[in-house]
Amino acid sequence: MNEMSEIEKAKLNLETAQVAWTELQRFFAQGSVIWADESLDLIEVAFCIAQDDSDTIQAWMKKKRVAPVTDEQAKRWLAEDVWLWSVVVRPLILVQHITESKP
């Protein structure tokens, strides 16, 4: 991996934050929240989206490891007061479920 890629990933890492699902509902309503499976590295997914690496993204989507947040997920996350890791890759917000405790 080249130095620019590492710098871009470091920037994305600095832009990640834990956020309550309730704070993201309006973006979900706009269709701009994308979920990444916990088995994936959130920064790697964000980097691929930022780089428009459609082959990798489509492979993840085909395996249902990256997808738009579903209505069922949104309802469950709201009911459970879920917190998520998030990073913005305009115009999208990429999220991943936090398995450890809330901040």
PDB file of N, CA and C in Angstrom:
ATOM      1  N   MET A   1       0.847  -1.169   0.000  1.00  0.00           N
ATOM      2  CA  MET A   1       0.000   0.000   0.000  1.00  0.00           C
ATOM      3  C   MET A   1       0.893   1.233   0.000  1.00  0.00           C
ATOM      4  N   ASN A   2       0.522   2.238  -0.778  1.00  0.00           N
ATOM      5  CA  ASN A   2       1.369   3.415  -0.866  1.00  0.00           C
ATOM      6  C   ASN A   2       1.126   4.385   0.293  1.00  0.00           C
ATOM      7  N   GLU A   3       2.028   5.347   0.418  1.00  0.00           N
ATOM      8  CA  GLU A   3       1.980   6.279   1.552  1.00  0.00           C
ATOM      9  C   GLU A   3       0.714   7.132   1.547  1.00  0.00           C
ATOM     10  N   MET A   4       0.249   7.546   0.361  1.00  0.00           N
ATOM     11  CA  MET A   4      -0.973   8.353   0.289  1.00  0.00           C
ATOM     12  C   MET A   4      -2.181   7.564   0.795  1.00  0.00           C
ATOM     13  N   SER A   5      -2.249   6.288   0.474  1.00  0.00           N
ATOM     14  CA  SER A   5      -3.351   5.454   0.956  1.00  0.00           C
ATOM     15  C   SER A   5      -3.329   5.375   2.471  1.00  0.00           C
ATOM     16  N   GLU A   6      -2.140   5.216   3.035  1.00  0.00           N
ATOM     17  CA  GLU A   6      -2.012   5.147   4.493  1.00  0.00           C
ATOM     18  C   GLU A   6      -2.435   6.465   5.140  1.00  0.00           C
ATOM     19  N   ILE A   7      -2.079   7.585   4.530  1.00  0.00           N
ATOM     20  CA  ILE A   7      -2.463   8.905   5.052  1.00  0.00           C
ATOM     21  C   ILE A   7      -3.983   9.067   4.992  1.00  0.00           C
ATOM     22  N   GLU A   8      -4.578   8.670   3.877  1.00  0.00           N
ATOM     23  CA  GLU A   8      -6.031   8.778   3.732  1.00  0.00           C
ATOM     24  C   GLU A   8      -6.752   7.895   4.755  1.00  0.00           C
ATOM     25  N   LYS A   9      -6.250   6.701   4.991  1.00  0.00           N
ATOM     26  CA  LYS A   9      -6.857   5.818   5.992  1.00  0.00           C
ATOM     27  C   LYS A   9      -6.702   6.402   7.392  1.00  0.00           C
ATOM     28  N   ALA A  10      -5.564   7.011   7.667  1.00  0.00           N
ATOM     29  CA  ALA A  10      -5.350   7.643   8.973  1.00  0.00           C
ATOM     30  C   ALA A  10      -6.341   8.794   9.175  1.00  0.00           C
ATOM     31  N   LYS A  11      -6.594   9.562   8.134  1.00  0.00           N
ATOM     32  CA  LYS A  11      -7.575  10.654   8.222  1.00  0.00           C
ATOM     33  C   LYS A  11      -8.967  10.095   8.505  1.00  0.00           C
ATOM     34  N   LEU A  12      -9.340   9.042   7.794  1.00  0.00           N
ATOM     35  CA  LEU A  12     -10.643   8.419   8.027  1.00  0.00           C
ATOM     36  C   LEU A  12     -10.750   7.908   9.457  1.00  0.00           C
ATOM     37  N   ASN A  13      -9.681   7.319   9.956  1.00  0.00           N
ATOM     38  CA  ASN A  13      -9.683   6.801  11.314  1.00  0.00           C
ATOM     39  C   ASN A  13      -9.929   7.929  12.320  1.00  0.00           C
ATOM     40  N   LEU A  14      -9.319   9.079  12.088  1.00  0.00           N
ATOM     41  CA  LEU A  14      -9.516  10.224  12.981  1.00  0.00           C
ATOM     42  C   LEU A  14     -10.941  10.769  12.923  1.00  0.00           C
ATOM     43  N   GLU A  15     -11.637  10.498  11.832  1.00  0.00           N
ATOM     44  CA  GLU A  15     -12.997  11.009  11.649  1.00  0.00           C
ATOM     45  C   GLU A  15     -14.066  10.037  12.134  1.00  0.00           C
ATOM     46  N   THR A  16     -13.680   8.883  12.639  1.00  0.00           N
ATOM     47  CA  THR A  16     -14.673   7.946  13.156  1.00  0.00           C
ATOM     48  C   THR A  16     -15.131   8.389  14.539  1.00  0.00           C
ATOM     49  N   ALA A  17     -16.367   8.057  14.837  1.00  0.00           N
ATOM     50  CA  ALA A  17     -16.916   8.404  16.151  1.00  0.00           C
ATOM     51  C   ALA A  17     -18.004   7.412  16.509  1.00  0.00           C
ATOM     52  N   GLN A  18     -18.228   7.274  17.816  1.00  0.00           N
ATOM     53  CA  GLN A  18     -19.357   6.488  18.280  1.00  0.00           C
ATOM     54  C   GLN A  18     -20.560   7.424  18.341  1.00  0.00           C
ATOM     55  N   VAL A  19     -21.674   6.943  17.828  1.00  0.00           N
ATOM     56  CA  VAL A  19     -22.875   7.774  17.774  1.00  0.00           C
ATOM     57  C   VAL A  19     -24.101   6.912  18.054  1.00  0.00           C
ATOM     58  N   ALA A  20     -25.063   7.513  18.745  1.00  0.00           N
ATOM     59  CA  ALA A  20     -26.326   6.813  19.014  1.00  0.00           C
ATOM     60  C   ALA A  20     -27.141   6.748  17.724  1.00  0.00           C
ATOM     61  N   TRP A  21     -27.829   5.630  17.537  1.00  0.00           N
ATOM     62  CA  TRP A  21     -28.659   5.477  16.342  1.00  0.00           C
ATOM     63  C   TRP A  21     -29.673   6.616  16.253  1.00  0.00           C
ATOM     64  N   THR A  22     -30.160   7.078  17.372  1.00  0.00           N
ATOM     65  CA  THR A  22     -31.160   8.159  17.354  1.00  0.00           C
ATOM     66  C   THR A  22     -30.632   9.401  16.645  1.00  0.00           C
ATOM     67  N   GLU A  23     -29.323   9.611  16.656  1.00  0.00           N
ATOM     68  CA  GLU A  23     -28.722  10.772  15.991  1.00  0.00           C
ATOM     69  C   GLU A  23     -28.634  10.591  14.476  1.00  0.00           C
ATOM     70  N   LEU A  24     -28.799   9.374  14.004  1.00  0.00           N
ATOM     71  CA  LEU A  24     -28.648   9.096  12.575  1.00  0.00           C
ATOM     72  C   LEU A  24     -29.962   8.850  11.851  1.00  0.00           C
ATOM     73  N   GLN A  25     -31.066   8.878  12.572  1.00  0.00           N
ATOM     74  CA  GLN A  25     -32.355   8.525  11.959  1.00  0.00           C
ATOM     75  C   GLN A  25     -32.732   9.417  10.776  1.00  0.00           C
ATOM     76  N   ARG A  26     -32.448  10.705  10.869  1.00  0.00           N
ATOM     77  CA  ARG A  26     -32.824  11.590   9.750  1.00  0.00           C
ATOM     78  C   ARG A  26     -32.008  11.269   8.500  1.00  0.00           C
ATOM     79  N   PHE A  27     -30.757  10.844   8.686  1.00  0.00           N
ATOM     80  CA  PHE A  27     -29.933  10.468   7.547  1.00  0.00           C
ATOM     81  C   PHE A  27     -30.401   9.134   6.967  1.00  0.00           C
ATOM     82  N   PHE A  28     -30.850   8.241   7.852  1.00  0.00           N
ATOM     83  CA  PHE A  28     -31.437   6.981   7.401  1.00  0.00           C
ATOM     84  C   PHE A  28     -32.672   7.267   6.538  1.00  0.00           C
ATOM     85  N   ALA A  29     -33.498   8.202   6.972  1.00  0.00           N
ATOM     86  CA  ALA A  29     -34.700   8.563   6.223  1.00  0.00           C
ATOM     87  C   ALA A  29     -34.357   9.104   4.830  1.00  0.00           C
ATOM     88  N   GLN A  30     -33.190   9.689   4.711  1.00  0.00           N
ATOM     89  CA  GLN A  30     -32.729  10.207   3.415  1.00  0.00           C
ATOM     90  C   GLN A  30     -32.057   9.130   2.564  1.00  0.00           C
ATOM     91  N   GLY A  31     -31.869   7.942   3.157  1.00  0.00           N
ATOM     92  CA  GLY A  31     -31.253   6.838   2.426  1.00  0.00           C
ATOM     93  C   GLY A  31     -29.738   6.916   2.341  1.00  0.00           C
ATOM     94  N   SER A  32     -29.117   7.634   3.265  1.00  0.00           N
ATOM     95  CA  SER A  32     -27.673   7.823   3.154  1.00  0.00           C
ATOM     96  C   SER A  32     -26.847   7.076   4.206  1.00  0.00           C
ATOM     97  N   VAL A  33     -27.459   6.107   4.924  1.00  0.00           N
ATOM     98  CA  VAL A  33     -26.710   5.355   5.931  1.00  0.00           C
ATOM     99  C   VAL A  33     -26.455   3.939   5.416  1.00  0.00           C
ATOM    100  N   ILE A  34     -25.176   3.595   5.393  1.00  0.00           N
ATOM    101  CA  ILE A  34     -24.732   2.290   4.905  1.00  0.00           C
ATOM    102  C   ILE A  34     -24.141   1.515   6.074  1.00  0.00           C
ATOM    103  N   TRP A  35     -24.492   0.248   6.185  1.00  0.00           N
ATOM    104  CA  TRP A  35     -24.038  -0.628   7.255  1.00  0.00           C
ATOM    105  C   TRP A  35     -22.897  -1.503   6.747  1.00  0.00           C
ATOM    106  N   ALA A  36     -21.897  -1.715   7.618  1.00  0.00           N
ATOM    107  CA  ALA A  36     -20.811  -2.651   7.328  1.00  0.00           C
ATOM    108  C   ALA A  36     -20.815  -3.732   8.397  1.00  0.00           C
ATOM    109  N   ASP A  37     -20.713  -4.964   7.966  1.00  0.00           N
ATOM    110  CA  ASP A  37     -20.676  -6.105   8.877  1.00  0.00           C
ATOM    111  C   ASP A  37     -19.494  -5.981   9.837  1.00  0.00           C
ATOM    112  N   GLU A  38     -19.679  -6.480  11.043  1.00  0.00           N
ATOM    113  CA  GLU A  38     -18.631  -6.413  12.072  1.00  0.00           C
ATOM    114  C   GLU A  38     -17.361  -7.162  11.676  1.00  0.00           C
ATOM    115  N   SER A  39     -17.456  -8.078  10.725  1.00  0.00           N
ATOM    116  CA  SER A  39     -16.273  -8.825  10.294  1.00  0.00           C
ATOM    117  C   SER A  39     -15.338  -7.981   9.423  1.00  0.00           C
ATOM    118  N   LEU A  40     -15.825  -6.845   8.963  1.00  0.00           N
ATOM    119  CA  LEU A  40     -15.019  -5.966   8.107  1.00  0.00           C
ATOM    120  C   LEU A  40     -14.377  -4.850   8.920  1.00  0.00           C
ATOM    121  N   ASP A  41     -13.268  -4.349   8.423  1.00  0.00           N
ATOM    122  CA  ASP A  41     -12.612  -3.180   9.010  1.00  0.00           C
ATOM    123  C   ASP A  41     -13.337  -1.938   8.492  1.00  0.00           C
ATOM    124  N   LEU A  42     -13.944  -1.178   9.398  1.00  0.00           N
ATOM    125  CA  LEU A  42     -14.736  -0.016   9.006  1.00  0.00           C
ATOM    126  C   LEU A  42     -13.921   0.981   8.185  1.00  0.00           C
ATOM    127  N   ILE A  43     -12.672   1.196   8.555  1.00  0.00           N
ATOM    128  CA  ILE A  43     -11.822   2.139   7.835  1.00  0.00           C
ATOM    129  C   ILE A  43     -11.523   1.631   6.427  1.00  0.00           C
ATOM    130  N   GLU A  44     -11.316   0.337   6.290  1.00  0.00           N
ATOM    131  CA  GLU A  44     -11.074  -0.239   4.960  1.00  0.00           C
ATOM    132  C   GLU A  44     -12.297  -0.065   4.063  1.00  0.00           C
ATOM    133  N   VAL A  45     -13.481  -0.282   4.620  1.00  0.00           N
ATOM    134  CA  VAL A  45     -14.713  -0.103   3.845  1.00  0.00           C
ATOM    135  C   VAL A  45     -14.858   1.365   3.445  1.00  0.00           C
ATOM    136  N   ALA A  46     -14.645   2.265   4.393  1.00  0.00           N
ATOM    137  CA  ALA A  46     -14.745   3.698   4.102  1.00  0.00           C
ATOM    138  C   ALA A  46     -13.744   4.106   3.024  1.00  0.00           C
ATOM    139  N   PHE A  47     -12.530   3.577   3.119  1.00  0.00           N
ATOM    140  CA  PHE A  47     -11.498   3.879   2.135  1.00  0.00           C
ATOM    141  C   PHE A  47     -11.924   3.403   0.742  1.00  0.00           C
ATOM    142  N   CYS A  48     -12.453   2.193   0.659  1.00  0.00           N
ATOM    143  CA  CYS A  48     -12.897   1.658  -0.638  1.00  0.00           C
ATOM    144  C   CYS A  48     -14.030   2.495  -1.221  1.00  0.00           C
ATOM    145  N   ILE A  49     -14.937   2.954  -0.367  1.00  0.00           N
ATOM    146  CA  ILE A  49     -16.021   3.817  -0.841  1.00  0.00           C
ATOM    147  C   ILE A  49     -15.445   5.141  -1.333  1.00  0.00           C
ATOM    148  N   ALA A  50     -14.537   5.729  -0.555  1.00  0.00           N
ATOM    149  CA  ALA A  50     -13.930   7.011  -0.930  1.00  0.00           C
ATOM    150  C   ALA A  50     -13.147   6.895  -2.239  1.00  0.00           C
ATOM    151  N   GLN A  51     -12.528   5.736  -2.461  1.00  0.00           N
ATOM    152  CA  GLN A  51     -11.730   5.511  -3.669  1.00  0.00           C
ATOM    153  C   GLN A  51     -12.572   4.998  -4.840  1.00  0.00           C
ATOM    154  N   ASP A  52     -13.877   4.832  -4.591  1.00  0.00           N
ATOM    155  CA  ASP A  52     -14.798   4.305  -5.607  1.00  0.00           C
ATOM    156  C   ASP A  52     -14.325   2.954  -6.140  1.00  0.00           C
ATOM    157  N   ASP A  53     -13.910   2.093  -5.211  1.00  0.00           N
ATOM    158  CA  ASP A  53     -13.474   0.737  -5.551  1.00  0.00           C
ATOM    159  C   ASP A  53     -14.717  -0.144  -5.686  1.00  0.00           C
ATOM    160  N   SER A  54     -15.387   0.025  -6.805  1.00  0.00           N
ATOM    161  CA  SER A  54     -16.684  -0.633  -6.992  1.00  0.00           C
ATOM    162  C   SER A  54     -16.590  -2.158  -6.994  1.00  0.00           C
ATOM    163  N   ASP A  55     -15.491  -2.728  -7.463  1.00  0.00           N
ATOM    164  CA  ASP A  55     -15.362  -4.186  -7.474  1.00  0.00           C
ATOM    165  C   ASP A  55     -15.400  -4.751  -6.055  1.00  0.00           C
ATOM    166  N   THR A  56     -14.612  -4.151  -5.159  1.00  0.00           N
ATOM    167  CA  THR A  56     -14.573  -4.617  -3.772  1.00  0.00           C
ATOM    168  C   THR A  56     -15.911  -4.382  -3.092  1.00  0.00           C
ATOM    169  N   ILE A  57     -16.481  -3.200  -3.277  1.00  0.00           N
ATOM    170  CA  ILE A  57     -17.754  -2.854  -2.645  1.00  0.00           C
ATOM    171  C   ILE A  57     -18.857  -3.802  -3.126  1.00  0.00           C
ATOM    172  N   GLN A  58     -18.908  -4.053  -4.427  1.00  0.00           N
ATOM    173  CA  GLN A  58     -19.930  -4.952  -4.960  1.00  0.00           C
ATOM    174  C   GLN A  58     -19.743  -6.376  -4.440  1.00  0.00           C
ATOM    175  N   ALA A  59     -18.504  -6.813  -4.282  1.00  0.00           N
ATOM    176  CA  ALA A  59     -18.259  -8.152  -3.731  1.00  0.00           C
ATOM    177  C   ALA A  59     -18.783  -8.226  -2.306  1.00  0.00           C
ATOM    178  N   TRP A  60     -18.539  -7.195  -1.494  1.00  0.00           N
ATOM    179  CA  TRP A  60     -19.057  -7.167  -0.128  1.00  0.00           C
ATOM    180  C   TRP A  60     -20.586  -7.139  -0.134  1.00  0.00           C
ATOM    181  N   MET A  61     -21.149  -6.350  -1.035  1.00  0.00           N
ATOM    182  CA  MET A  61     -22.615  -6.257  -1.100  1.00  0.00           C
ATOM    183  C   MET A  61     -23.219  -7.601  -1.506  1.00  0.00           C
ATOM    184  N   LYS A  62     -22.583  -8.278  -2.436  1.00  0.00           N
ATOM    185  CA  LYS A  62     -23.076  -9.582  -2.883  1.00  0.00           C
ATOM    186  C   LYS A  62     -23.086 -10.581  -1.729  1.00  0.00           C
ATOM    187  N   LYS A  63     -22.089 -10.474  -0.831  1.00  0.00           N
ATOM    188  CA  LYS A  63     -22.003 -11.360   0.333  1.00  0.00           C
ATOM    189  C   LYS A  63     -22.798 -10.816   1.523  1.00  0.00           C
ATOM    190  N   LYS A  64     -23.528  -9.713   1.298  1.00  0.00           N
ATOM    191  CA  LYS A  64     -24.358  -9.070   2.334  1.00  0.00           C
ATOM    192  C   LYS A  64     -23.520  -8.640   3.541  1.00  0.00           C
ATOM    193  N   ARG A  65     -22.328  -8.146   3.262  1.00  0.00           N
ATOM    194  CA  ARG A  65     -21.443  -7.638   4.307  1.00  0.00           C
ATOM    195  C   ARG A  65     -21.437  -6.110   4.339  1.00  0.00           C
ATOM    196  N   VAL A  66     -21.959  -5.488   3.275  1.00  0.00           N
ATOM    197  CA  VAL A  66     -22.143  -4.040   3.183  1.00  0.00           C
ATOM    198  C   VAL A  66     -23.480  -3.827   2.502  1.00  0.00           C
ATOM    199  N   ALA A  67     -24.320  -2.965   3.092  1.00  0.00           N
ATOM    200  CA  ALA A  67     -25.652  -2.736   2.522  1.00  0.00           C
ATOM    201  C   ALA A  67     -26.275  -1.489   3.145  1.00  0.00           C
ATOM    202  N   PRO A  68     -27.256  -0.919   2.460  1.00  0.00           N
ATOM    203  CA  PRO A  68     -28.017   0.156   3.105  1.00  0.00           C
ATOM    204  C   PRO A  68     -28.693  -0.400   4.362  1.00  0.00           C
ATOM    205  N   VAL A  69     -28.805   0.423   5.380  1.00  0.00           N
ATOM    206  CA  VAL A  69     -29.482   0.006   6.606  1.00  0.00           C
ATOM    207  C   VAL A  69     -30.943  -0.292   6.261  1.00  0.00           C
ATOM    208  N   THR A  70     -31.432  -1.431   6.729  1.00  0.00           N
ATOM    209  CA  THR A  70     -32.815  -1.826   6.447  1.00  0.00           C
ATOM    210  C   THR A  70     -33.769  -1.222   7.478  1.00  0.00           C
ATOM    211  N   ASP A  71     -35.041  -1.223   7.146  1.00  0.00           N
ATOM    212  CA  ASP A  71     -36.057  -0.766   8.103  1.00  0.00           C
ATOM    213  C   ASP A  71     -36.020  -1.615   9.365  1.00  0.00           C
ATOM    214  N   GLU A  72     -35.806  -2.927   9.208  1.00  0.00           N
ATOM    215  CA  GLU A  72     -35.768  -3.828  10.363  1.00  0.00           C
ATOM    216  C   GLU A  72     -34.594  -3.494  11.283  1.00  0.00           C
ATOM    217  N   GLN A  73     -33.422  -3.247  10.693  1.00  0.00           N
ATOM    218  CA  GLN A  73     -32.259  -2.851  11.504  1.00  0.00           C
ATOM    219  C   GLN A  73     -32.561  -1.555  12.247  1.00  0.00           C
ATOM    220  N   ALA A  74     -33.112  -0.584  11.526  1.00  0.00           N
ATOM    221  CA  ALA A  74     -33.389   0.724  12.114  1.00  0.00           C
ATOM    222  C   ALA A  74     -34.353   0.607  13.296  1.00  0.00           C
ATOM    223  N   LYS A  75     -35.394  -0.190  13.139  1.00  0.00           N
ATOM    224  CA  LYS A  75     -36.357  -0.382  14.229  1.00  0.00           C
ATOM    225  C   LYS A  75     -35.711  -1.056  15.438  1.00  0.00           C
ATOM    226  N   ARG A  76     -34.913  -2.095  15.175  1.00  0.00           N
ATOM    227  CA  ARG A  76     -34.246  -2.813  16.259  1.00  0.00           C
ATOM    228  C   ARG A  76     -33.247  -1.904  16.975  1.00  0.00           C
ATOM    229  N   TRP A  77     -32.462  -1.162  16.215  1.00  0.00           N
ATOM    230  CA  TRP A  77     -31.471  -0.266  16.809  1.00  0.00           C
ATOM    231  C   TRP A  77     -32.131   0.825  17.644  1.00  0.00           C
ATOM    232  N   LEU A  78     -33.264   1.306  17.203  1.00  0.00           N
ATOM    233  CA  LEU A  78     -33.995   2.321  17.966  1.00  0.00           C
ATOM    234  C   LEU A  78     -34.521   1.722  19.267  1.00  0.00           C
ATOM    235  N   ALA A  79     -35.138   0.550  19.168  1.00  0.00           N
ATOM    236  CA  ALA A  79     -35.696  -0.113  20.353  1.00  0.00           C
ATOM    237  C   ALA A  79     -34.614  -0.469  21.374  1.00  0.00           C
ATOM    238  N   GLU A  80     -33.423  -0.819  20.880  1.00  0.00           N
ATOM    239  CA  GLU A  80     -32.334  -1.250  21.764  1.00  0.00           C
ATOM    240  C   GLU A  80     -31.389  -0.111  22.148  1.00  0.00           C
ATOM    241  N   ASP A  81     -31.679   1.117  21.683  1.00  0.00           N
ATOM    242  CA  ASP A  81     -30.838   2.284  21.961  1.00  0.00           C
ATOM    243  C   ASP A  81     -29.378   1.990  21.610  1.00  0.00           C
ATOM    244  N   VAL A  82     -29.168   1.528  20.391  1.00  0.00           N
ATOM    245  CA  VAL A  82     -27.865   1.077  19.923  1.00  0.00           C
ATOM    246  C   VAL A  82     -26.932   2.251  19.612  1.00  0.00           C
ATOM    247  N   TRP A  83     -25.656   2.037  19.927  1.00  0.00           N
ATOM    248  CA  TRP A  83     -24.587   2.945  19.529  1.00  0.00           C
ATOM    249  C   TRP A  83     -23.802   2.281  18.412  1.00  0.00           C
ATOM    250  N   LEU A  84     -23.311   3.095  17.481  1.00  0.00           N
ATOM    251  CA  LEU A  84     -22.606   2.593  16.309  1.00  0.00           C
ATOM    252  C   LEU A  84     -21.307   3.356  16.111  1.00  0.00           C
ATOM    253  N   TRP A  85     -20.328   2.677  15.535  1.00  0.00           N
ATOM    254  CA  TRP A  85     -19.176   3.388  15.014  1.00  0.00           C
ATOM    255  C   TRP A  85     -19.634   4.020  13.712  1.00  0.00           C
ATOM    256  N   SER A  86     -19.208   5.225  13.433  1.00  0.00           N
ATOM    257  CA  SER A  86     -19.616   5.884  12.197  1.00  0.00           C
ATOM    258  C   SER A  86     -18.457   6.672  11.603  1.00  0.00           C
ATOM    259  N   VAL A  87     -18.514   6.818  10.305  1.00  0.00           N
ATOM    260  CA  VAL A  87     -17.576   7.670   9.574  1.00  0.00           C
ATOM    261  C   VAL A  87     -18.308   8.179   8.340  1.00  0.00           C
ATOM    262  N   VAL A  88     -18.111   9.447   8.055  1.00  0.00           N
ATOM    263  CA  VAL A  88     -18.766  10.066   6.908  1.00  0.00           C
ATOM    264  C   VAL A  88     -17.861   9.942   5.691  1.00  0.00           C
ATOM    265  N   VAL A  89     -18.434   9.412   4.619  1.00  0.00           N
ATOM    266  CA  VAL A  89     -17.792   9.382   3.304  1.00  0.00           C
ATOM    267  C   VAL A  89     -18.831   9.983   2.374  1.00  0.00           C
ATOM    268  N   ARG A  90     -18.791  11.286   2.276  1.00  0.00           N
ATOM    269  CA  ARG A  90     -19.849  12.032   1.581  1.00  0.00           C
ATOM    270  C   ARG A  90     -20.223  11.412   0.259  1.00  0.00           C
ATOM    271  N   PRO A  91     -21.503  11.279  -0.010  1.00  0.00           N
ATOM    272  CA  PRO A  91     -22.667  11.756   0.744  1.00  0.00           C
ATOM    273  C   PRO A  91     -23.210  10.702   1.715  1.00  0.00           C
ATOM    274  N   LEU A  92     -22.406   9.682   2.018  1.00  0.00           N
ATOM    275  CA  LEU A  92     -22.880   8.575   2.847  1.00  0.00           C
ATOM    276  C   LEU A  92     -22.349   8.657   4.267  1.00  0.00           C
ATOM    277  N   ILE A  93     -23.064   7.992   5.167  1.00  0.00           N
ATOM    278  CA  ILE A  93     -22.575   7.759   6.519  1.00  0.00           C
ATOM    279  C   ILE A  93     -22.461   6.245   6.656  1.00  0.00           C
ATOM    280  N   LEU A  94     -21.262   5.804   6.922  1.00  0.00           N
ATOM    281  CA  LEU A  94     -20.985   4.380   7.071  1.00  0.00           C
ATOM    282  C   LEU A  94     -21.042   4.045   8.554  1.00  0.00           C
ATOM    283  N   VAL A  95     -21.780   2.987   8.907  1.00  0.00           N
ATOM    284  CA  VAL A  95     -21.919   2.606  10.314  1.00  0.00           C
ATOM    285  C   VAL A  95     -21.589   1.136  10.512  1.00  0.00           C
ATOM    286  N   GLN A  96     -21.212   0.839  11.758  1.00  0.00           N
ATOM    287  CA  GLN A  96     -20.930  -0.533  12.156  1.00  0.00           C
ATOM    288  C   GLN A  96     -21.336  -0.687  13.608  1.00  0.00           C
ATOM    289  N   HIS A  97     -22.021  -1.772  13.920  1.00  0.00           N
ATOM    290  CA  HIS A  97     -22.511  -2.004  15.263  1.00  0.00           C
ATOM    291  C   HIS A  97     -21.353  -2.147  16.246  1.00  0.00           C
ATOM    292  N   ILE A  98     -21.483  -1.540  17.406  1.00  0.00           N
ATOM    293  CA  ILE A  98     -20.481  -1.631  18.456  1.00  0.00           C
ATOM    294  C   ILE A  98     -20.832  -2.813  19.334  1.00  0.00           C
ATOM    295  N   THR A  99     -19.900  -3.719  19.512  1.00  0.00           N
ATOM    296  CA  THR A  99     -20.192  -4.898  20.329  1.00  0.00           C
ATOM    297  C   THR A  99     -19.856  -4.662  21.800  1.00  0.00           C
ATOM    298  N   GLU A 100     -18.951  -3.726  22.072  1.00  0.00           N
ATOM    299  CA  GLU A 100     -18.646  -3.421  23.469  1.00  0.00           C
ATOM    300  C   GLU A 100     -19.640  -2.401  24.019  1.00  0.00           C
ATOM    301  N   SER A 101     -19.440  -1.980  25.234  1.00  0.00           N
ATOM    302  CA  SER A 101     -20.380  -1.077  25.894  1.00  0.00           C
ATOM    303  C   SER A 101     -20.379   0.316  25.276  1.00  0.00           C
ATOM    304  N   LYS A 102     -21.437   1.059  25.568  1.00  0.00           N
ATOM    305  CA  LYS A 102     -21.592   2.431  25.084  1.00  0.00           C
ATOM    306  C   LYS A 102     -20.514   3.322  25.684  1.00  0.00           C
ATOM    307  N   PRO A 103     -20.225   4.452  25.002  1.00  0.00           N
ATOM    308  CA  PRO A 103     -19.202   5.369  25.530  1.00  0.00           C
ATOM    309  C   PRO A 103     -19.635   6.007  26.841  1.00  0.00           C
TER     310      PRO A 103
END
